[in-house]
Amino acid sequence: MIHVLLLVGAAVAIYVACEWFINAVEWLGVQLKVGRMAVGTLLAAIGTALPESVVTFVAVVFGHGAASKDIGVGAAMGGPLVLSTIAYAFVGFVLISRTRRLDTPVGPVAEPTAESDGQRPVDTRRLARDQMWFLAVFVFKVGLGLVAFAIKPWLGVLFFAAYGVYFARELGNREGSGDAHDLDPLRLQPKAATPSAAAVIVQTTATLAVIFVASQVFVRQLEWAGPKLGLSATVTALLLSPVATELPEIMNALLWVRQGKIDLALANISGAMMIQATVPSGLGILFTKWRFNGPLQAAGITTMAAIVYLLLTMRAKRLTAGRLAAGAAFYVAFAIALAFM
């Protein structure tokens, strides 16, 4: 019973903390004068991807034995899998439940209108470009998992460099920087038209701390539940743990969609995917053998298939709530395939 209570309590804590976090990180973006989309792809993504990156770092650098290394590699592969399927699908399901239309303009993101109910249309060209970046990096890291050669560990440095290039590109886009017209007051200073920098930093760091601790509690309860459900350590690492560590992105998506900021919800997911494809993977390649067994190969294939599906949909200008929600089918197919391995 205590495990169930901890599981529910951690989920509630993550939801509440994410509500305060996105409120703070939007103001942080205004004060740092970063572009609107960089708030999602960089500021929010770095914060919400922290739990998964720490899991991988601790497992591969400080872990002892093959089991710990396997958990780290599983986390590095499971995170992108969940984001490319469950996280995007969750946005679609929430949009369907709110009977909102997901716009797909060819041009840049437009200002909300009365007809759009305050909802910002999504620039699918930019989203598709992010997915192309992710797919290129991801294919390379999966390919490295199938071969062995002497200098392979040193190639992990390339993944950190790839994220550095992505970070610089996103930071260089200043579109919408300093725009605070549609932001709610900072929770710590609800009566201030413009909150102080100190209050923004305190709220951001405090909520990140809560998200990190609550995510770890959530993961531990799922790791307890795995054996109780008859699941192996590999299945738990690939199927359950990533859902827990990616819960902040999913919660952020829910909150931003509720506010009509679908562009930020999707940007947070795509930005987190770039982090998951580079930083944890770079650590895994540097500190483990980075050789993929059947389940890890299946995770890689499923993730690539989900991204190709999204890219084809975006290129055809047919990205809708229903088609986003359909991405969950890839995760279900992976879970079924895993049961027979």
Protein backbone atom coordinates (compact mmCIF):
# COMPACT_ATOMS: atom_id res chain seq x y z
CA MET A 1 0.00 0.00 0.00
CA ILE A 2 2.84 2.40 0.84
CA HIS A 3 4.27 1.97 -2.68
CA VAL A 4 0.94 2.92 -4.27
CA LEU A 5 0.65 6.00 -2.05
CA LEU A 6 4.20 7.05 -2.91
CA LEU A 7 3.48 6.53 -6.61
CA VAL A 8 0.36 8.70 -6.53
CA GLY A 9 1.97 11.29 -4.26
CA ALA A 10 5.01 11.61 -6.53
CA ALA A 11 2.79 12.03 -9.60
CA VAL A 12 0.80 14.79 -7.89
CA ALA A 13 4.01 16.50 -6.74
CA ILE A 14 5.39 16.42 -10.30
CA TYR A 15 2.18 17.91 -11.71
CA VAL A 16 2.06 20.78 -9.20
CA ALA A 17 5.80 21.45 -9.51
CA CYS A 18 5.54 21.50 -13.33
CA GLU A 19 2.70 24.02 -13.11
CA TRP A 20 4.97 26.35 -11.12
CA PHE A 21 7.98 25.47 -13.28
CA ILE A 22 6.49 26.46 -16.65
CA ASN A 23 5.21 29.67 -15.04
CA ALA A 24 8.75 30.47 -13.89
CA VAL A 25 10.59 29.31 -17.00
CA GLU A 26 8.47 31.52 -19.27
CA TRP A 27 9.44 34.55 -17.17
CA LEU A 28 13.04 33.33 -17.19
CA GLY A 29 12.93 33.35 -20.98
CA VAL A 30 11.66 36.94 -20.96
CA GLN A 31 14.40 38.08 -18.60
CA LEU A 32 17.13 36.27 -20.54
CA LYS A 33 15.64 37.62 -23.80
CA VAL A 34 15.69 34.23 -25.50
CA GLY A 35 13.31 33.44 -28.35
CA ARG A 36 9.85 32.18 -27.49
CA MET A 37 10.46 28.69 -28.90
CA ALA A 38 13.81 28.45 -27.10
CA VAL A 39 11.84 28.61 -23.85
CA GLY A 40 10.46 25.20 -24.77
CA THR A 41 13.36 23.65 -26.68
CA LEU A 42 16.11 24.82 -24.31
CA LEU A 43 15.06 26.21 -20.93
CA ALA A 44 12.15 23.89 -20.19
CA ALA A 45 13.68 20.89 -21.97
CA ILE A 46 16.98 21.08 -20.09
CA GLY A 47 15.13 21.23 -16.79
CA THR A 48 12.69 18.41 -17.49
CA ALA A 49 15.35 16.18 -19.09
CA LEU A 50 17.49 16.42 -15.95
CA PRO A 51 16.06 13.32 -14.19
CA GLU A 52 16.73 11.01 -17.14
CA SER A 53 20.22 12.39 -17.69
CA VAL A 54 21.09 11.96 -14.02
CA VAL A 55 19.82 8.36 -14.04
CA THR A 56 22.11 7.57 -16.97
CA PHE A 57 25.07 9.47 -15.51
CA VAL A 58 24.90 7.73 -12.13
CA ALA A 59 24.34 4.30 -13.69
CA VAL A 60 27.19 4.39 -16.22
CA VAL A 61 29.78 6.42 -14.30
CA PHE A 62 29.29 5.33 -10.67
CA GLY A 63 27.40 2.07 -11.11
CA HIS A 64 29.06 -1.26 -10.39
CA GLY A 65 28.50 -4.33 -12.48
CA ALA A 66 26.87 -5.05 -15.83
CA ALA A 67 23.33 -4.62 -14.48
CA SER A 68 23.95 -0.98 -13.59
CA LYS A 69 25.46 -0.28 -17.00
CA ASP A 70 22.46 -1.94 -18.66
CA ILE A 71 20.11 0.35 -16.73
CA GLY A 72 22.03 3.38 -17.96
CA VAL A 73 21.95 2.27 -21.59
CA GLY A 74 18.27 1.33 -21.25
CA ALA A 75 17.50 4.80 -19.91
CA ALA A 76 19.38 6.43 -22.80
CA MET A 77 17.29 4.43 -25.31
CA GLY A 78 14.00 4.41 -23.41
CA GLY A 79 13.78 8.20 -23.02
CA PRO A 80 13.64 9.01 -26.76
CA LEU A 81 11.23 6.10 -27.27
CA VAL A 82 8.73 7.49 -24.76
CA LEU A 83 9.07 11.07 -25.99
CA SER A 84 8.62 10.18 -29.67
CA THR A 85 5.53 8.05 -28.97
CA ILE A 86 3.78 8.60 -25.63
CA ALA A 87 4.63 12.29 -25.13
CA TYR A 88 3.53 13.41 -28.60
CA ALA A 89 0.49 11.13 -28.42
CA PHE A 90 -0.45 12.63 -25.06
CA VAL A 91 -0.59 16.09 -26.64
CA GLY A 92 -2.88 14.66 -29.31
CA PHE A 93 -5.20 13.02 -26.79
CA VAL A 94 -5.44 16.21 -24.72
CA LEU A 95 -6.23 18.24 -27.84
CA ILE A 96 -8.94 15.76 -28.79
CA SER A 97 -10.43 15.87 -25.30
CA ARG A 98 -10.52 19.68 -25.45
CA THR A 99 -12.00 19.59 -28.98
CA ARG A 100 -9.26 21.91 -30.21
CA ARG A 101 -8.01 22.03 -33.76
CA LEU A 102 -4.27 21.64 -34.33
CA ASP A 103 -3.35 24.20 -37.00
CA THR A 104 -0.44 23.54 -39.37
CA PRO A 105 0.52 26.76 -41.16
CA VAL A 106 3.37 26.80 -43.65
CA GLY A 107 4.72 30.10 -42.34
CA PRO A 108 5.98 31.10 -38.89
CA VAL A 109 3.87 30.89 -35.78
CA ALA A 110 1.12 33.48 -35.92
CA GLU A 111 -0.44 35.54 -33.17
CA PRO A 112 -3.56 34.01 -31.61
CA THR A 113 -6.88 35.16 -33.02
CA ALA A 114 -10.44 35.04 -31.76
CA GLU A 115 -11.14 32.10 -34.08
CA SER A 116 -8.22 30.11 -32.66
CA ASP A 117 -9.50 30.51 -29.08
CA GLY A 118 -6.14 31.95 -28.01
CA GLN A 119 -4.31 28.95 -29.40
CA ARG A 120 -1.04 29.57 -31.22
CA PRO A 121 -0.75 27.68 -34.53
CA VAL A 122 2.19 25.31 -34.81
CA ASP A 123 5.04 25.94 -37.23
CA THR A 124 5.42 22.40 -38.55
CA ARG A 125 8.43 23.33 -40.69
CA ARG A 126 10.43 24.15 -37.57
CA LEU A 127 9.13 21.06 -35.78
CA ALA A 128 10.05 18.86 -38.76
CA ARG A 129 13.56 20.37 -38.82
CA ASP A 130 14.03 19.46 -35.15
CA GLN A 131 12.88 15.92 -35.84
CA MET A 132 15.35 15.64 -38.73
CA TRP A 133 18.16 16.70 -36.39
CA PHE A 134 17.03 14.12 -33.87
CA LEU A 135 16.68 11.34 -36.44
CA ALA A 136 20.17 11.90 -37.86
CA VAL A 137 21.76 11.73 -34.39
CA PHE A 138 19.60 8.82 -33.32
CA VAL A 139 20.38 6.68 -36.38
CA PHE A 140 24.10 7.24 -35.73
CA LYS A 141 23.85 6.23 -32.07
CA VAL A 142 21.82 3.10 -32.91
CA GLY A 143 24.38 2.18 -35.56
CA LEU A 144 27.15 2.44 -32.97
CA GLY A 145 25.23 -0.01 -30.79
CA LEU A 146 25.53 -2.68 -33.47
CA VAL A 147 29.30 -2.59 -33.95
CA ALA A 148 32.46 -2.70 -31.89
CA PHE A 149 35.80 -1.02 -32.60
CA ALA A 150 38.65 0.47 -30.60
CA ILE A 151 37.89 4.18 -30.79
CA LYS A 152 34.11 3.90 -30.37
CA PRO A 153 34.06 5.24 -26.78
CA TRP A 154 35.68 8.48 -27.89
CA LEU A 155 32.86 9.08 -30.36
CA GLY A 156 30.68 9.90 -27.35
CA VAL A 157 32.25 13.37 -27.43
CA LEU A 158 30.60 13.95 -30.82
CA PHE A 159 27.17 13.71 -29.21
CA PHE A 160 27.97 16.49 -26.76
CA ALA A 161 29.24 18.58 -29.69
CA ALA A 162 26.01 17.88 -31.62
CA TYR A 163 23.93 19.19 -28.74
CA GLY A 164 26.19 22.23 -28.49
CA VAL A 165 25.47 23.07 -32.14
CA TYR A 166 21.73 22.57 -31.60
CA PHE A 167 21.82 24.71 -28.45
CA ALA A 168 23.61 27.55 -30.27
CA ARG A 169 21.16 27.41 -33.17
CA GLU A 170 18.12 27.57 -30.91
CA LEU A 171 19.63 30.33 -28.78
CA GLY A 172 20.36 32.37 -31.90
CA ASN A 173 16.67 32.48 -32.86
CA ARG A 174 15.39 35.57 -31.02
CA GLU A 175 11.88 35.56 -32.46
CA GLY A 176 9.44 36.63 -29.75
CA SER A 177 12.20 37.39 -27.22
CA GLY A 178 11.18 39.55 -24.28
CA ASP A 179 7.46 39.08 -25.07
CA ALA A 180 5.49 38.90 -21.80
CA HIS A 181 2.03 39.92 -22.99
CA ASP A 182 0.39 36.50 -22.54
CA LEU A 183 2.20 35.36 -19.36
CA ASP A 184 0.46 34.73 -16.06
CA PRO A 185 1.92 36.55 -13.03
CA LEU A 186 4.80 34.77 -11.34
CA ARG A 187 3.39 32.54 -8.60
CA LEU A 188 5.88 33.86 -6.04
CA GLN A 189 5.01 37.47 -6.88
CA PRO A 190 1.37 37.36 -8.06
CA LYS A 191 0.84 41.12 -7.76
CA ALA A 192 3.98 42.19 -9.62
CA ALA A 193 3.57 43.19 -13.28
CA THR A 194 7.22 42.28 -13.82
CA PRO A 195 8.71 39.89 -11.26
CA SER A 196 12.21 40.28 -9.89
CA ALA A 197 15.03 38.17 -11.32
CA ALA A 198 15.67 36.68 -7.87
CA ALA A 199 12.07 35.49 -7.54
CA VAL A 200 12.16 33.90 -11.01
CA ILE A 201 15.40 32.07 -10.24
CA VAL A 202 14.15 30.87 -6.84
CA GLN A 203 10.90 29.55 -8.28
CA THR A 204 12.69 27.87 -11.20
CA THR A 205 15.33 26.12 -9.09
CA ALA A 206 12.91 25.14 -6.32
CA THR A 207 10.44 23.55 -8.72
CA LEU A 208 13.25 21.74 -10.54
CA ALA A 209 14.39 20.30 -7.21
CA VAL A 210 10.87 19.06 -6.47
CA ILE A 211 10.54 17.59 -9.98
CA PHE A 212 13.87 15.80 -9.63
CA VAL A 213 13.13 14.29 -6.20
CA ALA A 214 9.55 13.33 -7.08
CA SER A 215 10.69 11.75 -10.36
CA GLN A 216 13.24 9.62 -8.51
CA VAL A 217 10.55 8.49 -6.05
CA PHE A 218 8.25 7.67 -8.96
CA VAL A 219 10.98 5.66 -10.70
CA ARG A 220 11.77 3.69 -7.53
CA GLN A 221 8.13 2.70 -7.12
CA LEU A 222 7.93 1.51 -10.72
CA GLU A 223 11.15 -0.46 -10.25
CA TRP A 224 9.44 -2.12 -7.28
CA ALA A 225 6.30 -2.77 -9.32
CA GLY A 226 8.19 -4.32 -12.26
CA PRO A 227 9.20 -7.60 -10.55
CA LYS A 228 5.78 -7.77 -8.87
CA LEU A 229 4.26 -7.74 -12.35
CA GLY A 230 6.72 -10.40 -13.51
CA LEU A 231 8.76 -8.00 -15.66
CA SER A 232 12.52 -8.39 -16.14
CA ALA A 233 15.01 -5.62 -15.31
CA THR A 234 15.51 -4.89 -19.03
CA VAL A 235 11.79 -4.58 -19.65
CA THR A 236 11.39 -2.34 -16.60
CA ALA A 237 14.29 -0.12 -17.75
CA LEU A 238 12.90 0.22 -21.28
CA LEU A 239 9.15 0.15 -20.66
CA LEU A 240 8.35 1.62 -17.25
CA SER A 241 11.27 3.72 -15.98
CA PRO A 242 11.40 6.04 -19.03
CA VAL A 243 7.70 6.82 -18.64
CA ALA A 244 8.45 7.97 -15.09
CA THR A 245 11.50 10.04 -15.96
CA GLU A 246 9.73 11.65 -18.93
CA LEU A 247 6.68 12.46 -16.80
CA PRO A 248 7.76 16.13 -16.39
CA GLU A 249 7.69 16.65 -20.18
CA ILE A 250 4.26 15.03 -20.32
CA MET A 251 2.99 17.21 -17.47
CA ASN A 252 4.43 20.33 -19.10
CA ALA A 253 2.70 19.39 -22.34
CA LEU A 254 -0.63 19.01 -20.53
CA LEU A 255 -0.29 22.37 -18.83
CA TRP A 256 0.81 24.27 -21.95
CA VAL A 257 -1.94 22.70 -24.08
CA ARG A 258 -4.49 23.77 -21.46
CA GLN A 259 -3.18 27.32 -21.87
CA GLY A 260 -3.41 27.11 -25.67
CA LYS A 261 0.39 27.17 -26.03
CA ILE A 262 0.66 24.05 -28.15
CA ASP A 263 3.79 25.35 -29.86
CA LEU A 264 5.60 25.40 -26.49
CA ALA A 265 4.28 21.95 -25.56
CA LEU A 266 5.65 20.43 -28.76
CA ALA A 267 8.88 22.46 -28.53
CA ASN A 268 9.48 21.12 -25.02
CA ILE A 269 9.15 17.56 -26.30
CA SER A 270 11.35 18.06 -29.36
CA GLY A 271 13.99 19.89 -27.30
CA ALA A 272 14.01 17.14 -24.68
CA MET A 273 14.38 14.56 -27.45
CA MET A 274 17.53 16.30 -28.67
CA ILE A 275 18.98 16.20 -25.16
CA GLN A 276 18.06 12.52 -24.77
CA ALA A 277 19.60 11.68 -28.13
CA THR A 278 22.92 13.32 -27.25
CA VAL A 279 23.84 13.79 -23.58
CA PRO A 280 22.79 10.41 -22.06
CA SER A 281 23.95 8.66 -25.24
CA GLY A 282 27.34 10.36 -25.12
CA LEU A 283 27.74 9.21 -21.51
CA GLY A 284 26.70 5.68 -22.42
CA ILE A 285 29.13 5.45 -25.33
CA LEU A 286 31.99 6.83 -23.23
CA PHE A 287 31.50 4.60 -20.19
CA THR A 288 29.91 1.37 -21.45
CA LYS A 289 30.42 -1.11 -24.27
CA TRP A 290 27.28 0.33 -25.95
CA ARG A 291 26.25 -2.97 -27.55
CA PHE A 292 22.55 -3.49 -28.18
CA ASN A 293 20.66 -6.68 -27.45
CA GLY A 294 17.25 -7.54 -28.94
CA PRO A 295 15.12 -5.25 -26.72
CA LEU A 296 17.46 -2.27 -27.25
CA GLN A 297 17.43 -2.82 -31.01
CA ALA A 298 13.63 -2.99 -30.92
CA ALA A 299 13.52 0.27 -28.97
CA GLY A 300 15.73 1.93 -31.58
CA ILE A 301 13.68 0.66 -34.52
CA THR A 302 10.41 1.72 -32.89
CA THR A 303 11.71 5.22 -32.15
CA MET A 304 12.95 5.70 -35.70
CA ALA A 305 9.66 4.43 -37.12
CA ALA A 306 7.69 6.85 -34.94
CA ILE A 307 9.83 9.81 -36.05
CA VAL A 308 9.59 8.87 -39.73
CA TYR A 309 5.80 8.70 -39.30
CA LEU A 310 5.77 12.18 -37.75
CA LEU A 311 8.04 13.59 -40.46
CA LEU A 312 5.89 12.20 -43.28
CA THR A 313 2.80 13.65 -41.61
CA MET A 314 4.42 17.07 -41.21
CA ARG A 315 5.82 17.13 -44.74
CA ALA A 316 2.33 16.34 -46.08
CA LYS A 317 0.97 19.21 -43.91
CA ARG A 318 -1.45 16.81 -42.25
CA LEU A 319 -0.40 17.08 -38.62
CA THR A 320 -3.58 16.85 -36.55
CA ALA A 321 -4.48 15.94 -32.99
CA GLY A 322 -5.64 12.51 -34.13
CA ARG A 323 -2.42 11.78 -35.99
CA LEU A 324 -0.36 12.84 -32.99
CA ALA A 325 -2.43 10.55 -30.77
CA ALA A 326 -1.91 7.67 -33.21
CA GLY A 327 1.78 7.73 -32.34
CA ALA A 328 0.93 5.78 -29.18
CA ALA A 329 0.43 2.73 -31.40
CA PHE A 330 4.21 2.51 -31.88
CA TYR A 331 4.75 2.24 -28.12
CA VAL A 332 2.01 -0.41 -27.82
CA ALA A 333 3.62 -2.39 -30.66
CA PHE A 334 6.99 -2.17 -28.90
CA ALA A 335 5.48 -3.38 -25.60
CA ILE A 336 3.88 -6.35 -27.37
CA ALA A 337 7.13 -7.21 -29.17
CA LEU A 338 9.05 -6.95 -25.89
CA ALA A 339 6.75 -9.50 -24.30
CA PHE A 340 7.94 -12.12 -26.82
CA MET A 341 11.68 -11.44 -26.43
